[in-house]
Amino acid sequence: MVTEVYISLKDPEGTKVTYQLIGGELPPGVKLDSDTGILRGLAPNTEDLFTFTIRALDSHVKYADHVFKMLIRGIEYSS
């Protein structure tokens, strides 16, 4: 399953915001774009819950952290 999730934050002072994975793990094959906040990739064919923390950071070193949970459900095949 192709995964694309958008995380967006607008800095009230108008400075650039970057994103960092600071805790937990993303599902294998899924990456965080530090410039856009987009999580993108090919999620594994497994059933698992992934918990991770992403930090949004502005140029004044002000930040906000948020814990996310992503549930991946495997594809069921029938014959």
C-alpha atoms as a PDB file:
ATOM      1  CA  MET A   1       0.000   0.000   0.000  1.00  0.00           C
ATOM      2  CA  VAL A   2       1.410   3.390  -0.965  1.00  0.00           C
ATOM      3  CA  THR A   3       1.258   5.820   1.929  1.00  0.00           C
ATOM      4  CA  GLU A   4       1.208   9.602   1.672  1.00  0.00           C
ATOM      5  CA  VAL A   5       0.347  11.653   4.743  1.00  0.00           C
ATOM      6  CA  TYR A   6       0.698  15.436   5.009  1.00  0.00           C
ATOM      7  CA  ILE A   7       1.730  17.178   8.205  1.00  0.00           C
ATOM      8  CA  SER A   8       1.426  20.934   7.946  1.00  0.00           C
ATOM      9  CA  LEU A   9       2.214  23.798  10.270  1.00  0.00           C
ATOM     10  CA  LYS A  10       2.199  27.522   9.600  1.00  0.00           C
ATOM     11  CA  ASP A  11       4.626  29.637  11.604  1.00  0.00           C
ATOM     12  CA  PRO A  12       2.851  32.817  12.822  1.00  0.00           C
ATOM     13  CA  GLU A  13       6.026  34.824  12.136  1.00  0.00           C
ATOM     14  CA  GLY A  14       6.225  33.485   8.577  1.00  0.00           C
ATOM     15  CA  THR A  15       9.568  31.691   8.936  1.00  0.00           C
ATOM     16  CA  LYS A  16      10.377  28.354   7.309  1.00  0.00           C
ATOM     17  CA  VAL A  17       9.321  25.257   9.231  1.00  0.00           C
ATOM     18  CA  THR A  18      11.235  21.987   9.075  1.00  0.00           C
ATOM     19  CA  TYR A  19      10.196  18.582  10.393  1.00  0.00           C
ATOM     20  CA  GLN A  20      12.183  15.968  12.319  1.00  0.00           C
ATOM     21  CA  LEU A  21      11.444  12.469  13.545  1.00  0.00           C
ATOM     22  CA  ILE A  22      12.500  12.665  17.207  1.00  0.00           C
ATOM     23  CA  GLY A  23      11.020   9.504  18.689  1.00  0.00           C
ATOM     24  CA  GLY A  24       9.750   6.077  17.742  1.00  0.00           C
ATOM     25  CA  GLU A  25       9.977   4.566  14.282  1.00  0.00           C
ATOM     26  CA  LEU A  26       8.184   5.082  11.006  1.00  0.00           C
ATOM     27  CA  PRO A  27       6.945   1.963   9.231  1.00  0.00           C
ATOM     28  CA  PRO A  28       9.669   0.342   7.093  1.00  0.00           C
ATOM     29  CA  GLY A  29       9.694   1.960   3.656  1.00  0.00           C
ATOM     30  CA  VAL A  30       8.058   5.205   4.839  1.00  0.00           C
ATOM     31  CA  LYS A  31      10.169   8.378   4.999  1.00  0.00           C
ATOM     32  CA  LEU A  32       9.594  11.882   6.377  1.00  0.00           C
ATOM     33  CA  ASP A  33      10.425  14.785   4.037  1.00  0.00           C
ATOM     34  CA  SER A  34      11.999  17.297   6.431  1.00  0.00           C
ATOM     35  CA  ASP A  35      11.164  20.267   4.183  1.00  0.00           C
ATOM     36  CA  THR A  36       7.501  19.531   3.469  1.00  0.00           C
ATOM     37  CA  GLY A  37       6.378  17.354   6.394  1.00  0.00           C
ATOM     38  CA  ILE A  38       5.094  14.688   3.995  1.00  0.00           C
ATOM     39  CA  LEU A  39       5.299  11.051   5.056  1.00  0.00           C
ATOM     40  CA  ARG A  40       5.627   9.033   1.871  1.00  0.00           C
ATOM     41  CA  GLY A  41       6.494   5.481   0.960  1.00  0.00           C
ATOM     42  CA  LEU A  42       5.372   1.941   0.448  1.00  0.00           C
ATOM     43  CA  ALA A  43       4.031   0.515   3.696  1.00  0.00           C
ATOM     44  CA  PRO A  44       4.848  -3.126   4.425  1.00  0.00           C
ATOM     45  CA  ASN A  45       2.270  -5.867   3.972  1.00  0.00           C
ATOM     46  CA  THR A  46       1.944  -6.479   7.678  1.00  0.00           C
ATOM     47  CA  GLU A  47      -0.415  -5.654  10.486  1.00  0.00           C
ATOM     48  CA  ASP A  48       1.306  -3.442  13.004  1.00  0.00           C
ATOM     49  CA  LEU A  49       0.918  -0.200  14.946  1.00  0.00           C
ATOM     50  CA  PHE A  50       3.716   2.359  14.675  1.00  0.00           C
ATOM     51  CA  THR A  51       4.031   5.199  17.181  1.00  0.00           C
ATOM     52  CA  PHE A  52       6.375   8.096  16.456  1.00  0.00           C
ATOM     53  CA  THR A  53       6.967  11.726  17.396  1.00  0.00           C
ATOM     54  CA  ILE A  54       7.536  14.477  14.855  1.00  0.00           C
ATOM     55  CA  ARG A  55       8.914  17.894  15.728  1.00  0.00           C
ATOM     56  CA  ALA A  56       8.082  21.020  13.699  1.00  0.00           C
ATOM     57  CA  LEU A  57      10.883  23.560  14.119  1.00  0.00           C
ATOM     58  CA  ASP A  58      11.082  27.162  12.922  1.00  0.00           C
ATOM     59  CA  SER A  59      14.151  29.299  12.244  1.00  0.00           C
ATOM     60  CA  HIS A  60      13.923  30.829  15.747  1.00  0.00           C
ATOM     61  CA  VAL A  61      14.307  27.322  17.225  1.00  0.00           C
ATOM     62  CA  LYS A  62      10.723  27.363  18.480  1.00  0.00           C
ATOM     63  CA  TYR A  63       9.142  23.965  18.110  1.00  0.00           C
ATOM     64  CA  ALA A  64       6.048  21.849  18.562  1.00  0.00           C
ATOM     65  CA  ASP A  65       6.081  18.073  19.058  1.00  0.00           C
ATOM     66  CA  HIS A  66       3.255  15.677  18.315  1.00  0.00           C
ATOM     67  CA  VAL A  67       2.902  11.931  18.815  1.00  0.00           C
ATOM     68  CA  PHE A  68       1.308  10.066  15.913  1.00  0.00           C
ATOM     69  CA  LYS A  69       0.033   6.516  15.639  1.00  0.00           C
ATOM     70  CA  MET A  70      -0.142   4.794  12.261  1.00  0.00           C
ATOM     71  CA  LEU A  71      -1.948   1.483  11.984  1.00  0.00           C
ATOM     72  CA  ILE A  72      -0.902  -0.623   8.999  1.00  0.00           C
ATOM     73  CA  ARG A  73      -3.210  -3.450   8.039  1.00  0.00           C
ATOM     74  CA  GLY A  74      -1.933  -6.194   5.793  1.00  0.00           C
ATOM     75  CA  ILE A  75      -3.689  -7.138   2.587  1.00  0.00           C
ATOM     76  CA  GLU A  76      -5.814 -10.232   2.845  1.00  0.00           C
ATOM     77  CA  TYR A  77      -5.521 -12.535  -0.129  1.00  0.00           C
ATOM     78  CA  SER A  78      -8.182 -15.074  -0.949  1.00  0.00           C
ATOM     79  CA  SER A  79      -7.916 -17.943  -3.361  1.00  0.00           C
END
